N, C-alpha and C. Protein backbone atom coordinates (compact mmCIF):
# COMPACT_ATOMS: atom_id res chain seq x y z
N UNK A 1 3.44 -20.95 -12.06
CA UNK A 1 4.18 -22.08 -12.59
C UNK A 1 5.67 -21.74 -12.54
N UNK A 2 6.46 -22.55 -11.88
CA UNK A 2 7.89 -22.28 -11.80
C UNK A 2 8.56 -22.43 -13.17
N UNK A 3 9.48 -21.55 -13.44
CA UNK A 3 10.17 -21.60 -14.73
C UNK A 3 11.65 -21.92 -14.57
N UNK A 4 12.09 -22.22 -13.36
CA UNK A 4 13.50 -22.53 -13.15
C UNK A 4 13.89 -23.74 -13.99
N UNK A 5 14.95 -23.61 -14.73
CA UNK A 5 15.41 -24.69 -15.58
C UNK A 5 14.85 -24.64 -16.99
N UNK A 6 13.88 -23.80 -17.24
CA UNK A 6 13.27 -23.73 -18.57
C UNK A 6 13.58 -22.43 -19.29
N UNK A 7 13.98 -21.40 -18.55
CA UNK A 7 14.32 -20.12 -19.18
C UNK A 7 15.70 -19.69 -18.70
N UNK A 8 16.30 -18.81 -19.45
CA UNK A 8 17.63 -18.32 -19.10
C UNK A 8 17.57 -17.13 -18.17
N UNK A 9 18.73 -16.68 -17.71
CA UNK A 9 18.77 -15.56 -16.77
C UNK A 9 18.29 -14.23 -17.37
N UNK A 10 18.53 -14.00 -18.64
CA UNK A 10 18.10 -12.74 -19.26
C UNK A 10 16.58 -12.68 -19.33
N UNK A 11 15.95 -13.78 -19.73
CA UNK A 11 14.49 -13.80 -19.80
C UNK A 11 13.88 -13.67 -18.40
N UNK A 12 14.51 -14.24 -17.41
CA UNK A 12 13.98 -14.11 -16.05
C UNK A 12 14.05 -12.66 -15.57
N UNK A 13 15.07 -11.93 -15.98
CA UNK A 13 15.15 -10.51 -15.64
C UNK A 13 14.01 -9.75 -16.30
N UNK A 14 13.71 -10.06 -17.56
CA UNK A 14 12.60 -9.39 -18.26
C UNK A 14 11.26 -9.73 -17.63
N UNK A 15 11.08 -10.96 -17.21
CA UNK A 15 9.83 -11.33 -16.53
C UNK A 15 9.69 -10.55 -15.23
N UNK A 16 10.76 -10.45 -14.45
CA UNK A 16 10.73 -9.67 -13.21
C UNK A 16 10.47 -8.20 -13.46
N UNK A 17 11.07 -7.65 -14.49
CA UNK A 17 10.85 -6.25 -14.84
C UNK A 17 9.39 -6.02 -15.22
N UNK A 18 8.84 -6.91 -16.03
CA UNK A 18 7.44 -6.80 -16.44
C UNK A 18 6.49 -6.89 -15.26
N UNK A 19 6.77 -7.79 -14.34
CA UNK A 19 5.93 -7.92 -13.15
C UNK A 19 6.00 -6.65 -12.30
N UNK A 20 7.17 -6.06 -12.20
CA UNK A 20 7.33 -4.82 -11.45
C UNK A 20 6.55 -3.67 -12.07
N UNK A 21 6.59 -3.58 -13.40
CA UNK A 21 5.85 -2.53 -14.09
C UNK A 21 4.35 -2.70 -13.88
N UNK A 22 3.86 -3.92 -13.97
CA UNK A 22 2.43 -4.18 -13.78
C UNK A 22 2.01 -3.79 -12.36
N UNK A 23 2.80 -4.15 -11.35
CA UNK A 23 2.47 -3.80 -9.97
C UNK A 23 2.50 -2.30 -9.76
N UNK A 24 3.50 -1.62 -10.31
CA UNK A 24 3.59 -0.17 -10.18
C UNK A 24 2.38 0.51 -10.80
N UNK A 25 2.00 0.09 -12.00
CA UNK A 25 0.85 0.70 -12.66
C UNK A 25 -0.44 0.44 -11.89
N UNK A 26 -0.56 -0.72 -11.29
CA UNK A 26 -1.75 -1.01 -10.50
C UNK A 26 -1.86 -0.07 -9.31
N UNK A 27 -0.75 0.21 -8.66
CA UNK A 27 -0.77 1.12 -7.51
C UNK A 27 -1.09 2.54 -7.96
N UNK A 28 -0.50 2.98 -9.06
CA UNK A 28 -0.74 4.33 -9.56
C UNK A 28 -2.20 4.50 -9.98
N UNK A 29 -2.73 3.53 -10.72
CA UNK A 29 -4.12 3.62 -11.18
C UNK A 29 -5.10 3.54 -10.01
N UNK A 30 -4.75 2.77 -8.98
CA UNK A 30 -5.62 2.67 -7.81
C UNK A 30 -5.75 4.04 -7.15
N UNK A 31 -4.65 4.75 -7.03
CA UNK A 31 -4.68 6.08 -6.43
C UNK A 31 -5.40 7.08 -7.34
N UNK A 32 -5.17 6.96 -8.64
CA UNK A 32 -5.78 7.89 -9.59
C UNK A 32 -7.30 7.78 -9.60
N UNK A 33 -7.83 6.58 -9.51
CA UNK A 33 -9.27 6.37 -9.53
C UNK A 33 -9.91 6.47 -8.16
N UNK A 34 -9.11 6.68 -7.12
CA UNK A 34 -9.64 6.87 -5.78
C UNK A 34 -10.12 5.60 -5.11
N UNK A 35 -9.68 4.47 -5.62
CA UNK A 35 -10.08 3.20 -5.02
C UNK A 35 -9.39 3.04 -3.67
N UNK A 36 -10.14 2.62 -2.67
CA UNK A 36 -9.60 2.45 -1.34
C UNK A 36 -9.93 1.04 -0.85
N UNK A 37 -8.92 0.34 -0.39
CA UNK A 37 -9.19 -0.99 0.16
C UNK A 37 -8.81 -1.02 1.64
N UNK A 38 -9.13 -2.08 2.30
CA UNK A 38 -8.96 -2.17 3.75
C UNK A 38 -7.50 -2.14 4.18
N UNK A 39 -6.57 -2.42 3.30
CA UNK A 39 -5.17 -2.49 3.68
C UNK A 39 -4.41 -1.17 3.43
N UNK A 40 -5.10 -0.17 2.92
CA UNK A 40 -4.46 1.13 2.69
C UNK A 40 -4.19 1.87 4.01
N UNK A 41 -3.11 2.61 4.03
CA UNK A 41 -2.80 3.46 5.18
C UNK A 41 -3.29 4.87 4.95
N UNK A 42 -3.60 5.20 3.70
CA UNK A 42 -3.99 6.56 3.36
C UNK A 42 -5.51 6.69 3.41
């Protein structure tokens, strides 16, 4: 859902930061648990 026009620039930075943290943790946990998907290079 687009939020342009409904939130300010500071909140949008926090949303982007939170999304980045979630993606980073997903990659780290995927490697930690040994999960392998078809798009991995390793």
